């Protein structure tokens, strides 16, 4: 029996709409009524779907960034900045910036070393 795909081009708009509300890929697949493995296979098999998911990933991150900003600025008191920071670190691999200072001694150039050897 042939395996018939349930893929439809309109799923591209659906994925952007759903993920634009902050849903993850897994939650989006569930809302679309397909398994996550099917969702991933559509990415592999359908270039337009792959592009839509890439755009949707950005839309989802922007959704959560805006929530973070609302909480951080006190615009939305229901938003916990600490919770959103943790969420962004886990989902989008945000990280705390760490300053690093490198101190090195001046190393002789080859010409300086040769001059010292001749002198």
PDB file of N, CA and C in Angstrom:
ATOM      1  N   UNK A   1       0.850  -1.178   0.000  1.00  0.00           N
ATOM      2  CA  UNK A   1       0.000   0.000   0.000  1.00  0.00           C
ATOM      3  C   UNK A   1       0.891   1.234   0.000  1.00  0.00           C
ATOM      4  N   UNK A   2       0.606   2.193  -0.859  1.00  0.00           N
ATOM      5  CA  UNK A   2       1.419   3.406  -0.987  1.00  0.00           C
ATOM      6  C   UNK A   2       1.211   4.320   0.207  1.00  0.00           C
ATOM      7  N   UNK A   3       2.296   4.988   0.576  1.00  0.00           N
ATOM      8  CA  UNK A   3       2.241   5.937   1.690  1.00  0.00           C
ATOM      9  C   UNK A   3       1.943   7.318   1.118  1.00  0.00           C
ATOM     10  N   UNK A   4       0.712   7.797   1.297  1.00  0.00           N
ATOM     11  CA  UNK A   4       0.297   9.082   0.754  1.00  0.00           C
ATOM     12  C   UNK A   4       0.510  10.178   1.789  1.00  0.00           C
ATOM     13  N   UNK A   5       1.230  11.205   1.370  1.00  0.00           N
ATOM     14  CA  UNK A   5       1.536  12.324   2.260  1.00  0.00           C
ATOM     15  C   UNK A   5       0.287  13.178   2.458  1.00  0.00           C
ATOM     16  N   UNK A   6       0.138  13.684   3.675  1.00  0.00           N
ATOM     17  CA  UNK A   6      -0.961  14.601   3.985  1.00  0.00           C
ATOM     18  C   UNK A   6      -0.523  16.050   3.785  1.00  0.00           C
ATOM     19  N   UNK A   7       0.696  16.227   3.263  1.00  0.00           N
ATOM     20  CA  UNK A   7       1.239  17.569   3.091  1.00  0.00           C
ATOM     21  C   UNK A   7       0.405  18.372   2.089  1.00  0.00           C
ATOM     22  N   UNK A   8       0.177  19.654   2.451  1.00  0.00           N
ATOM     23  CA  UNK A   8      -0.515  20.594   1.573  1.00  0.00           C
ATOM     24  C   UNK A   8       0.257  21.909   1.624  1.00  0.00           C
ATOM     25  N   UNK A   9       0.410  22.593   0.505  1.00  0.00           N
ATOM     26  CA  UNK A   9       1.167  23.855   0.490  1.00  0.00           C
ATOM     27  C   UNK A   9       0.663  24.898   1.488  1.00  0.00           C
ATOM     28  N   UNK A  10      -0.627  24.889   1.791  1.00  0.00           N
ATOM     29  CA  UNK A  10      -1.170  25.872   2.745  1.00  0.00           C
ATOM     30  C   UNK A  10      -0.634  25.665   4.167  1.00  0.00           C
ATOM     31  N   UNK A  11       0.017  24.532   4.393  1.00  0.00           N
ATOM     32  CA  UNK A  11       0.631  24.289   5.698  1.00  0.00           C
ATOM     33  C   UNK A  11       1.765  25.290   5.972  1.00  0.00           C
ATOM     34  N   UNK A  12       2.334  25.854   4.919  1.00  0.00           N
ATOM     35  CA  UNK A  12       3.394  26.853   5.088  1.00  0.00           C
ATOM     36  C   UNK A  12       2.866  28.070   5.835  1.00  0.00           C
ATOM     37  N   UNK A  13       1.684  28.543   5.435  1.00  0.00           N
ATOM     38  CA  UNK A  13       1.082  29.687   6.135  1.00  0.00           C
ATOM     39  C   UNK A  13       0.660  29.294   7.544  1.00  0.00           C
ATOM     40  N   UNK A  14       0.146  28.081   7.680  1.00  0.00           N
ATOM     41  CA  UNK A  14      -0.308  27.605   8.986  1.00  0.00           C
ATOM     42  C   UNK A  14       0.844  27.545   9.984  1.00  0.00           C
ATOM     43  N   UNK A  15       2.008  27.061   9.551  1.00  0.00           N
ATOM     44  CA  UNK A  15       3.143  26.936  10.458  1.00  0.00           C
ATOM     45  C   UNK A  15       3.618  28.324  10.907  1.00  0.00           C
ATOM     46  N   UNK A  16       3.623  29.302   9.987  1.00  0.00           N
ATOM     47  CA  UNK A  16       4.038  30.653  10.363  1.00  0.00           C
ATOM     48  C   UNK A  16       3.030  31.298  11.304  1.00  0.00           C
ATOM     49  N   UNK A  17       1.758  31.053  11.062  1.00  0.00           N
ATOM     50  CA  UNK A  17       0.716  31.610  11.928  1.00  0.00           C
ATOM     51  C   UNK A  17       0.823  31.037  13.350  1.00  0.00           C
ATOM     52  N   UNK A  18       0.977  29.727  13.449  1.00  0.00           N
ATOM     53  CA  UNK A  18       1.042  29.091  14.763  1.00  0.00           C
ATOM     54  C   UNK A  18       2.316  29.465  15.523  1.00  0.00           C
ATOM     55  N   UNK A  19       3.452  29.370  14.854  1.00  0.00           N
ATOM     56  CA  UNK A  19       4.707  29.671  15.537  1.00  0.00           C
ATOM     57  C   UNK A  19       4.845  31.165  15.815  1.00  0.00           C
ATOM     58  N   UNK A  20       4.136  31.974  15.044  1.00  0.00           N
ATOM     59  CA  UNK A  20       4.115  33.412  15.299  1.00  0.00           C
ATOM     60  C   UNK A  20       3.455  33.766  16.612  1.00  0.00           C
ATOM     61  N   UNK A  21       2.743  32.799  17.202  1.00  0.00           N
ATOM     62  CA  UNK A  21       2.146  33.005  18.527  1.00  0.00           C
ATOM     63  C   UNK A  21       3.046  32.453  19.629  1.00  0.00           C
ATOM     64  N   UNK A  22       4.278  32.073  19.243  1.00  0.00           N
ATOM     65  CA  UNK A  22       5.241  31.601  20.223  1.00  0.00           C
ATOM     66  C   UNK A  22       5.331  30.098  20.380  1.00  0.00           C
ATOM     67  N   UNK A  23       4.519  29.363  19.624  1.00  0.00           N
ATOM     68  CA  UNK A  23       4.554  27.905  19.761  1.00  0.00           C
ATOM     69  C   UNK A  23       5.881  27.346  19.262  1.00  0.00           C
ATOM     70  N   UNK A  24       6.311  26.260  19.875  1.00  0.00           N
ATOM     71  CA  UNK A  24       7.502  25.540  19.436  1.00  0.00           C
ATOM     72  C   UNK A  24       7.157  24.701  18.204  1.00  0.00           C
ATOM     73  N   UNK A  25       8.166  24.121  17.606  1.00  0.00           N
ATOM     74  CA  UNK A  25       7.933  23.225  16.474  1.00  0.00           C
ATOM     75  C   UNK A  25       7.064  22.039  16.882  1.00  0.00           C
ATOM     76  N   UNK A  26       7.339  21.476  18.051  1.00  0.00           N
ATOM     77  CA  UNK A  26       6.572  20.305  18.506  1.00  0.00           C
ATOM     78  C   UNK A  26       5.118  20.670  18.767  1.00  0.00           C
ATOM     79  N   UNK A  27       4.898  21.801  19.419  1.00  0.00           N
ATOM     80  CA  UNK A  27       3.525  22.234  19.684  1.00  0.00           C
ATOM     81  C   UNK A  27       2.804  22.553  18.378  1.00  0.00           C
ATOM     82  N   UNK A  28       3.524  23.129  17.434  1.00  0.00           N
ATOM     83  CA  UNK A  28       2.935  23.452  16.136  1.00  0.00           C
ATOM     84  C   UNK A  28       2.520  22.174  15.401  1.00  0.00           C
ATOM     85  N   UNK A  29       3.385  21.182  15.412  1.00  0.00           N
ATOM     86  CA  UNK A  29       3.043  19.905  14.778  1.00  0.00           C
ATOM     87  C   UNK A  29       1.774  19.331  15.394  1.00  0.00           C
ATOM     88  N   UNK A  30       1.688  19.384  16.715  1.00  0.00           N
ATOM     89  CA  UNK A  30       0.501  18.873  17.410  1.00  0.00           C
ATOM     90  C   UNK A  30      -0.744  19.635  16.982  1.00  0.00           C
ATOM     91  N   UNK A  31      -0.641  20.962  16.935  1.00  0.00           N
ATOM     92  CA  UNK A  31      -1.791  21.781  16.514  1.00  0.00           C
ATOM     93  C   UNK A  31      -2.186  21.504  15.067  1.00  0.00           C
ATOM     94  N   UNK A  32      -1.215  21.157  14.245  1.00  0.00           N
ATOM     95  CA  UNK A  32      -1.486  20.851  12.837  1.00  0.00           C
ATOM     96  C   UNK A  32      -2.044  19.440  12.656  1.00  0.00           C
ATOM     97  N   UNK A  33      -2.031  18.652  13.724  1.00  0.00           N
ATOM     98  CA  UNK A  33      -2.572  17.297  13.660  1.00  0.00           C
ATOM     99  C   UNK A  33      -1.629  16.291  13.033  1.00  0.00           C
ATOM    100  N   UNK A  34      -0.326  16.587  13.108  1.00  0.00           N
ATOM    101  CA  UNK A  34       0.672  15.655  12.571  1.00  0.00           C
ATOM    102  C   UNK A  34       1.698  15.359  13.658  1.00  0.00           C
ATOM    103  N   UNK A  35       2.409  14.266  13.493  1.00  0.00           N
ATOM    104  CA  UNK A  35       3.449  13.933  14.465  1.00  0.00           C
ATOM    105  C   UNK A  35       4.656  14.840  14.231  1.00  0.00           C
ATOM    106  N   UNK A  36       5.490  14.939  15.241  1.00  0.00           N
ATOM    107  CA  UNK A  36       6.704  15.741  15.099  1.00  0.00           C
ATOM    108  C   UNK A  36       7.626  15.138  14.043  1.00  0.00           C
ATOM    109  N   UNK A  37       7.679  13.819  13.965  1.00  0.00           N
ATOM    110  CA  UNK A  37       8.495  13.165  12.931  1.00  0.00           C
ATOM    111  C   UNK A  37       7.992  13.511  11.528  1.00  0.00           C
ATOM    112  N   UNK A  38       6.684  13.577  11.365  1.00  0.00           N
ATOM    113  CA  UNK A  38       6.113  13.970  10.078  1.00  0.00           C
ATOM    114  C   UNK A  38       6.471  15.417   9.768  1.00  0.00           C
ATOM    115  N   UNK A  39       6.365  16.268  10.770  1.00  0.00           N
ATOM    116  CA  UNK A  39       6.748  17.682  10.633  1.00  0.00           C
ATOM    117  C   UNK A  39       8.187  17.780  10.126  1.00  0.00           C
ATOM    118  N   UNK A  40       9.087  17.025  10.758  1.00  0.00           N
ATOM    119  CA  UNK A  40      10.499  17.043  10.340  1.00  0.00           C
ATOM    120  C   UNK A  40      10.676  16.494   8.930  1.00  0.00           C
ATOM    121  N   UNK A  41       9.906  15.475   8.579  1.00  0.00           N
ATOM    122  CA  UNK A  41      10.023  14.913   7.217  1.00  0.00           C
ATOM    123  C   UNK A  41       9.529  15.913   6.177  1.00  0.00           C
ATOM    124  N   UNK A  42       8.505  16.700   6.521  1.00  0.00           N
ATOM    125  CA  UNK A  42       8.040  17.740   5.601  1.00  0.00           C
ATOM    126  C   UNK A  42       9.132  18.779   5.374  1.00  0.00           C
ATOM    127  N   UNK A  43       9.887  19.096   6.414  1.00  0.00           N
ATOM    128  CA  UNK A  43      11.005  20.038   6.272  1.00  0.00           C
ATOM    129  C   UNK A  43      12.017  19.473   5.278  1.00  0.00           C
ATOM    130  N   UNK A  44      12.303  18.187   5.401  1.00  0.00           N
ATOM    131  CA  UNK A  44      13.283  17.542   4.513  1.00  0.00           C
ATOM    132  C   UNK A  44      12.787  17.412   3.073  1.00  0.00           C
ATOM    133  N   UNK A  45      11.494  17.161   2.905  1.00  0.00           N
ATOM    134  CA  UNK A  45      10.968  16.827   1.581  1.00  0.00           C
ATOM    135  C   UNK A  45      10.392  18.009   0.800  1.00  0.00           C
ATOM    136  N   UNK A  46      10.049  19.086   1.486  1.00  0.00           N
ATOM    137  CA  UNK A  46       9.362  20.210   0.832  1.00  0.00           C
ATOM    138  C   UNK A  46      10.107  21.509   1.123  1.00  0.00           C
ATOM    139  N   UNK A  47      10.795  22.010   0.122  1.00  0.00           N
ATOM    140  CA  UNK A  47      11.623  23.206   0.303  1.00  0.00           C
ATOM    141  C   UNK A  47      10.810  24.402   0.799  1.00  0.00           C
ATOM    142  N   UNK A  48       9.600  24.575   0.262  1.00  0.00           N
ATOM    143  CA  UNK A  48       8.783  25.717   0.683  1.00  0.00           C
ATOM    144  C   UNK A  48       8.376  25.595   2.150  1.00  0.00           C
ATOM    145  N   UNK A  49       8.163  24.369   2.610  1.00  0.00           N
ATOM    146  CA  UNK A  49       7.830  24.159   4.018  1.00  0.00           C
ATOM    147  C   UNK A  49       9.061  24.426   4.879  1.00  0.00           C
ATOM    148  N   UNK A  50      10.197  23.983   4.442  1.00  0.00           N
ATOM    149  CA  UNK A  50      11.450  24.226   5.161  1.00  0.00           C
ATOM    150  C   UNK A  50      11.687  25.728   5.331  1.00  0.00           C
ATOM    151  N   UNK A  51      11.473  26.491   4.259  1.00  0.00           N
ATOM    152  CA  UNK A  51      11.642  27.941   4.320  1.00  0.00           C
ATOM    153  C   UNK A  51      10.620  28.575   5.258  1.00  0.00           C
ATOM    154  N   UNK A  52       9.391  28.076   5.219  1.00  0.00           N
ATOM    155  CA  UNK A  52       8.341  28.601   6.096  1.00  0.00           C
ATOM    156  C   UNK A  52       8.678  28.342   7.562  1.00  0.00           C
ATOM    157  N   UNK A  53       9.209  27.164   7.855  1.00  0.00           N
ATOM    158  CA  UNK A  53       9.589  26.835   9.233  1.00  0.00           C
ATOM    159  C   UNK A  53      10.752  27.720   9.681  1.00  0.00           C
ATOM    160  N   UNK A  54      11.699  27.968   8.804  1.00  0.00           N
ATOM    161  CA  UNK A  54      12.818  28.851   9.152  1.00  0.00           C
ATOM    162  C   UNK A  54      12.300  30.255   9.490  1.00  0.00           C
ATOM    163  N   UNK A  55      11.364  30.748   8.692  1.00  0.00           N
ATOM    164  CA  UNK A  55      10.755  32.046   8.981  1.00  0.00           C
ATOM    165  C   UNK A  55       9.957  31.993  10.283  1.00  0.00           C
ATOM    166  N   UNK A  56       9.257  30.893  10.479  1.00  0.00           N
ATOM    167  CA  UNK A  56       8.432  30.730  11.674  1.00  0.00           C
ATOM    168  C   UNK A  56       9.283  30.656  12.937  1.00  0.00           C
ATOM    169  N   UNK A  57      10.467  30.045  12.837  1.00  0.00           N
ATOM    170  CA  UNK A  57      11.380  30.016  13.989  1.00  0.00           C
ATOM    171  C   UNK A  57      11.713  31.440  14.433  1.00  0.00           C
ATOM    172  N   UNK A  58      11.946  32.311  13.475  1.00  0.00           N
ATOM    173  CA  UNK A  58      12.245  33.711  13.784  1.00  0.00           C
ATOM    174  C   UNK A  58      11.025  34.384  14.400  1.00  0.00           C
ATOM    175  N   UNK A  59       9.867  34.143  13.828  1.00  0.00           N
ATOM    176  CA  UNK A  59       8.630  34.741  14.360  1.00  0.00           C
ATOM    177  C   UNK A  59       8.388  34.322  15.808  1.00  0.00           C
ATOM    178  N   UNK A  60       8.637  33.054  16.109  1.00  0.00           N
ATOM    179  CA  UNK A  60       8.439  32.557  17.479  1.00  0.00           C
ATOM    180  C   UNK A  60       9.411  33.230  18.438  1.00  0.00           C
ATOM    181  N   UNK A  61      10.666  33.354  18.030  1.00  0.00           N
ATOM    182  CA  UNK A  61      11.646  34.002  18.901  1.00  0.00           C
ATOM    183  C   UNK A  61      11.292  35.468  19.125  1.00  0.00           C
ATOM    184  N   UNK A  62      10.854  36.149  18.076  1.00  0.00           N
ATOM    185  CA  UNK A  62      10.455  37.555  18.210  1.00  0.00           C
ATOM    186  C   UNK A  62       9.259  37.675  19.148  1.00  0.00           C
ATOM    187  N   UNK A  63       8.320  36.754  19.045  1.00  0.00           N
ATOM    188  CA  UNK A  63       7.160  36.756  19.946  1.00  0.00           C
ATOM    189  C   UNK A  63       7.628  36.759  21.401  1.00  0.00           C
ATOM    190  N   UNK A  64       8.552  35.846  21.728  1.00  0.00           N
ATOM    191  CA  UNK A  64       9.014  35.741  23.106  1.00  0.00           C
ATOM    192  C   UNK A  64       9.913  36.906  23.501  1.00  0.00           C
ATOM    193  N   UNK A  65      10.678  37.440  22.567  1.00  0.00           N
ATOM    194  CA  UNK A  65      11.479  38.638  22.864  1.00  0.00           C
ATOM    195  C   UNK A  65      10.579  39.795  23.252  1.00  0.00           C
ATOM    196  N   UNK A  66       9.494  39.961  22.513  1.00  0.00           N
ATOM    197  CA  UNK A  66       8.549  41.035  22.825  1.00  0.00           C
ATOM    198  C   UNK A  66       7.933  40.832  24.205  1.00  0.00           C
ATOM    199  N   UNK A  67       7.610  39.588  24.548  1.00  0.00           N
ATOM    200  CA  UNK A  67       7.085  39.299  25.891  1.00  0.00           C
ATOM    201  C   UNK A  67       8.114  39.670  26.955  1.00  0.00           C
ATOM    202  N   UNK A  68       9.357  39.308  26.690  1.00  0.00           N
ATOM    203  CA  UNK A  68      10.440  39.637  27.619  1.00  0.00           C
ATOM    204  C   UNK A  68      10.546  41.149  27.800  1.00  0.00           C
ATOM    205  N   UNK A  69      10.504  41.876  26.708  1.00  0.00           N
ATOM    206  CA  UNK A  69      10.611  43.333  26.790  1.00  0.00           C
ATOM    207  C   UNK A  69       9.447  43.922  27.574  1.00  0.00           C
ATOM    208  N   UNK A  70       8.251  43.410  27.353  1.00  0.00           N
ATOM    209  CA  UNK A  70       7.078  43.902  28.083  1.00  0.00           C
ATOM    210  C   UNK A  70       7.249  43.689  29.584  1.00  0.00           C
ATOM    211  N   UNK A  71       7.762  42.528  29.953  1.00  0.00           N
ATOM    212  CA  UNK A  71       7.985  42.247  31.370  1.00  0.00           C
ATOM    213  C   UNK A  71       9.121  43.068  31.937  1.00  0.00           C
ATOM    214  N   UNK A  72      10.209  43.175  31.195  1.00  0.00           N
ATOM    215  CA  UNK A  72      11.379  43.909  31.676  1.00  0.00           C
ATOM    216  C   UNK A  72      11.069  45.388  31.849  1.00  0.00           C
ATOM    217  N   UNK A  73      10.219  45.926  30.991  1.00  0.00           N
ATOM    218  CA  UNK A  73       9.874  47.347  31.070  1.00  0.00           C
ATOM    219  C   UNK A  73       8.681  47.620  31.988  1.00  0.00           C
ATOM    220  N   UNK A  74       8.113  46.564  32.555  1.00  0.00           N
ATOM    221  CA  UNK A  74       6.985  46.725  33.467  1.00  0.00           C
ATOM    222  C   UNK A  74       5.674  47.009  32.758  1.00  0.00           C
ATOM    223  N   UNK A  75       5.634  46.841  31.449  1.00  0.00           N
ATOM    224  CA  UNK A  75       4.414  47.086  30.675  1.00  0.00           C
ATOM    225  C   UNK A  75       3.371  46.018  30.976  1.00  0.00           C
ATOM    226  N   UNK A  76       3.827  44.783  31.113  1.00  0.00           N
ATOM    227  CA  UNK A  76       2.934  43.670  31.406  1.00  0.00           C
ATOM    228  C   UNK A  76       3.378  43.053  32.727  1.00  0.00           C
ATOM    229  N   UNK A  77       2.606  43.297  33.760  1.00  0.00           N
ATOM    230  CA  UNK A  77       2.954  42.819  35.105  1.00  0.00           C
ATOM    231  C   UNK A  77       2.803  41.302  35.243  1.00  0.00           C
ATOM    232  N   UNK A  78       2.108  40.670  34.297  1.00  0.00           N
ATOM    233  CA  UNK A  78       1.918  39.228  34.357  1.00  0.00           C
ATOM    234  C   UNK A  78       3.124  38.459  33.821  1.00  0.00           C
ATOM    235  N   UNK A  79       4.069  39.174  33.244  1.00  0.00           N
ATOM    236  CA  UNK A  79       5.241  38.538  32.655  1.00  0.00           C
ATOM    237  C   UNK A  79       6.381  38.552  33.660  1.00  0.00           C
ATOM    238  N   UNK A  80       6.939  37.397  33.915  1.00  0.00           N
ATOM    239  CA  UNK A  80       8.082  37.280  34.821  1.00  0.00           C
ATOM    240  C   UNK A  80       9.373  37.343  34.008  1.00  0.00           C
ATOM    241  N   UNK A  81      10.126  38.438  34.120  1.00  0.00           N
ATOM    242  CA  UNK A  81      11.378  38.520  33.359  1.00  0.00           C
ATOM    243  C   UNK A  81      12.316  37.348  33.637  1.00  0.00           C
ATOM    244  N   UNK A  82      12.397  36.913  34.881  1.00  0.00           N
ATOM    245  CA  UNK A  82      13.294  35.803  35.220  1.00  0.00           C
ATOM    246  C   UNK A  82      12.878  34.521  34.507  1.00  0.00           C
ATOM    247  N   UNK A  83      11.578  34.258  34.464  1.00  0.00           N
ATOM    248  CA  UNK A  83      11.081  33.065  33.786  1.00  0.00           C
ATOM    249  C   UNK A  83      11.366  33.149  32.291  1.00  0.00           C
ATOM    250  N   UNK A  84      11.158  34.319  31.703  1.00  0.00           N
ATOM    251  CA  UNK A  84      11.389  34.464  30.271  1.00  0.00           C
ATOM    252  C   UNK A  84      12.867  34.364  29.922  1.00  0.00           C
ATOM    253  N   UNK A  85      13.730  34.890  30.764  1.00  0.00           N
ATOM    254  CA  UNK A  85      15.165  34.768  30.519  1.00  0.00           C
ATOM    255  C   UNK A  85      15.552  33.295  30.494  1.00  0.00           C
ATOM    256  N   UNK A  86      15.057  32.536  31.479  1.00  0.00           N
ATOM    257  CA  UNK A  86      15.352  31.106  31.524  1.00  0.00           C
ATOM    258  C   UNK A  86      14.810  30.416  30.276  1.00  0.00           C
ATOM    259  N   UNK A  87      13.606  30.786  29.874  1.00  0.00           N
ATOM    260  CA  UNK A  87      12.987  30.194  28.692  1.00  0.00           C
ATOM    261  C   UNK A  87      13.824  30.476  27.444  1.00  0.00           C
ATOM    262  N   UNK A  88      14.249  31.727  27.284  1.00  0.00           N
ATOM    263  CA  UNK A  88      15.027  32.099  26.103  1.00  0.00           C
ATOM    264  C   UNK A  88      16.390  31.403  26.098  1.00  0.00           C
ATOM    265  N   UNK A  89      16.985  31.254  27.271  1.00  0.00           N
ATOM    266  CA  UNK A  89      18.271  30.550  27.341  1.00  0.00           C
ATOM    267  C   UNK A  89      18.105  29.090  26.931  1.00  0.00           C
ATOM    268  N   UNK A  90      17.031  28.468  27.373  1.00  0.00           N
ATOM    269  CA  UNK A  90      16.817  27.058  27.070  1.00  0.00           C
ATOM    270  C   UNK A  90      16.340  26.836  25.640  1.00  0.00           C
ATOM    271  N   UNK A  91      15.399  27.639  25.185  1.00  0.00           N
ATOM    272  CA  UNK A  91      14.823  27.402  23.855  1.00  0.00           C
ATOM    273  C   UNK A  91      15.672  27.988  22.737  1.00  0.00           C
ATOM    274  N   UNK A  92      16.236  29.159  22.962  1.00  0.00           N
ATOM    275  CA  UNK A  92      16.947  29.844  21.883  1.00  0.00           C
ATOM    276  C   UNK A  92      18.445  29.978  22.143  1.00  0.00           C
ATOM    277  N   UNK A  93      18.917  29.306  23.163  1.00  0.00           N
ATOM    278  CA  UNK A  93      20.348  29.262  23.471  1.00  0.00           C
ATOM    279  C   UNK A  93      20.937  30.643  23.755  1.00  0.00           C
ATOM    280  N   UNK A  94      20.107  31.518  24.336  1.00  0.00           N
ATOM    281  CA  UNK A  94      20.650  32.794  24.779  1.00  0.00           C
ATOM    282  C   UNK A  94      21.654  32.480  25.876  1.00  0.00           C
ATOM    283  N   UNK A  95      22.630  33.342  26.040  1.00  0.00           N
ATOM    284  CA  UNK A  95      23.590  33.123  27.117  1.00  0.00           C
ATOM    285  C   UNK A  95      24.033  34.459  27.674  1.00  0.00           C
ATOM    286  N   UNK A  96      24.498  34.419  28.901  1.00  0.00           N
ATOM    287  CA  UNK A  96      25.044  35.611  29.517  1.00  0.00           C
ATOM    288  C   UNK A  96      26.372  35.916  28.850  1.00  0.00           C
ATOM    289  N   UNK A  97      26.573  37.166  28.542  1.00  0.00           N
ATOM    290  CA  UNK A  97      27.837  37.555  27.927  1.00  0.00           C
ATOM    291  C   UNK A  97      28.889  37.607  29.022  1.00  0.00           C
ATOM    292  N   UNK A  98      30.011  37.047  28.736  1.00  0.00           N
ATOM    293  CA  UNK A  98      31.113  37.049  29.688  1.00  0.00           C
ATOM    294  C   UNK A  98      32.262  37.838  29.084  1.00  0.00           C
ATOM    295  N   UNK A  99      32.700  38.849  29.822  1.00  0.00           N
ATOM    296  CA  UNK A  99      33.821  39.653  29.359  1.00  0.00           C
ATOM    297  C   UNK A  99      35.112  38.888  29.625  1.00  0.00           C
ATOM    298  N   UNK A 100      36.002  38.917  28.662  1.00  0.00           N
ATOM    299  CA  UNK A 100      37.292  38.263  28.828  1.00  0.00           C
ATOM    300  C   UNK A 100      38.374  39.253  28.445  1.00  0.00           C
ATOM    301  N   UNK A 101      39.415  39.282  29.260  1.00  0.00           N
ATOM    302  CA  UNK A 101      40.554  40.134  28.979  1.00  0.00           C
ATOM    303  C   UNK A 101      41.764  39.237  28.784  1.00  0.00           C
ATOM    304  N   UNK A 102      42.464  39.482  27.696  1.00  0.00           N
ATOM    305  CA  UNK A 102      43.656  38.695  27.405  1.00  0.00           C
ATOM    306  C   UNK A 102      44.862  39.601  27.589  1.00  0.00           C
ATOM    307  N   UNK A 103      45.776  39.161  28.424  1.00  0.00           N
ATOM    308  CA  UNK A 103      46.998  39.911  28.664  1.00  0.00           C
ATOM    309  C   UNK A 103      48.150  39.066  28.141  1.00  0.00           C
ATOM    310  N   UNK A 104      48.971  39.670  27.318  1.00  0.00           N
ATOM    311  CA  UNK A 104      50.101  38.916  26.805  1.00  0.00           C
ATOM    312  C   UNK A 104      51.343  39.797  26.818  1.00  0.00           C
ATOM    313  N   UNK A 105      52.451  39.143  26.922  1.00  0.00           N
ATOM    314  CA  UNK A 105      53.709  39.855  26.847  1.00  0.00           C
ATOM    315  C   UNK A 105      54.075  40.010  25.384  1.00  0.00           C
ATOM    316  N   UNK A 106      54.871  41.055  25.103  1.00  0.00           N
ATOM    317  CA  UNK A 106      55.316  41.260  23.731  1.00  0.00           C
ATOM    318  C   UNK A 106      56.300  40.146  23.384  1.00  0.00           C
ATOM    319  N   UNK A 107      56.033  39.507  22.272  1.00  0.00           N
ATOM    320  CA  UNK A 107      56.893  38.423  21.806  1.00  0.00           C
ATOM    321  C   UNK A 107      57.824  38.993  20.743  1.00  0.00           C
ATOM    322  N   UNK A 108      59.068  38.609  20.835  1.00  0.00           N
ATOM    323  CA  UNK A 108      60.047  39.082  19.865  1.00  0.00           C
ATOM    324  C   UNK A 108      59.702  38.601  18.466  1.00  0.00           C
ATOM    325  N   UNK A 109      59.938  39.488  17.501  1.00  0.00           N
ATOM    326  CA  UNK A 109      59.813  39.054  16.113  1.00  0.00           C
ATOM    327  C   UNK A 109      61.062  38.269  15.753  1.00  0.00           C
ATOM    328  N   UNK A 110      61.007  37.563  14.653  1.00  0.00           N
ATOM    329  CA  UNK A 110      62.155  36.784  14.205  1.00  0.00           C
ATOM    330  C   UNK A 110      63.346  37.715  13.944  1.00  0.00           C
ATOM    331  N   UNK A 111      63.081  38.869  13.325  1.00  0.00           N
ATOM    332  CA  UNK A 111      64.162  39.825  13.052  1.00  0.00           C
ATOM    333  C   UNK A 111      64.824  40.309  14.340  1.00  0.00           C
ATOM    334  N   UNK A 112      64.019  40.592  15.359  1.00  0.00           N
ATOM    335  CA  UNK A 112      64.580  41.027  16.653  1.00  0.00           C
ATOM    336  C   UNK A 112      65.412  39.934  17.276  1.00  0.00           C
ATOM    337  N   UNK A 113      64.951  38.708  17.202  1.00  0.00           N
ATOM    338  CA  UNK A 113      65.672  37.598  17.788  1.00  0.00           C
ATOM    339  C   UNK A 113      67.010  37.383  17.065  1.00  0.00           C
ATOM    340  N   UNK A 114      66.994  37.434  15.723  1.00  0.00           N
ATOM    341  CA  UNK A 114      68.219  37.268  14.938  1.00  0.00           C
ATOM    342  C   UNK A 114      69.221  38.388  15.217  1.00  0.00           C
ATOM    343  N   UNK A 115      68.706  39.597  15.353  1.00  0.00           N
ATOM    344  CA  UNK A 115      69.581  40.734  15.658  1.00  0.00           C
ATOM    345  C   UNK A 115      70.244  40.537  17.019  1.00  0.00           C
ATOM    346  N   UNK A 116      69.487  40.031  17.961  1.00  0.00           N
ATOM    347  CA  UNK A 116      70.019  39.764  19.305  1.00  0.00           C
ATOM    348  C   UNK A 116      71.079  38.674  19.253  1.00  0.00           C
ATOM    349  N   UNK A 117      70.888  37.676  18.388  1.00  0.00           N
ATOM    350  CA  UNK A 117      71.856  36.580  18.273  1.00  0.00           C
ATOM    351  C   UNK A 117      73.166  37.053  17.630  1.00  0.00           C
ATOM    352  N   UNK A 118      73.056  37.970  16.686  1.00  0.00           N
ATOM    353  CA  UNK A 118      74.242  38.493  15.982  1.00  0.00           C
ATOM    354  C   UNK A 118      75.009  39.489  16.850  1.00  0.00           C
ATOM    355  N   UNK A 119      74.311  40.165  17.714  1.00  0.00           N
ATOM    356  CA  UNK A 119      74.894  41.262  18.479  1.00  0.00           C
ATOM    357  C   UNK A 119      75.715  40.851  19.595  1.00  0.00           C
TER     358      UNK A 119
END
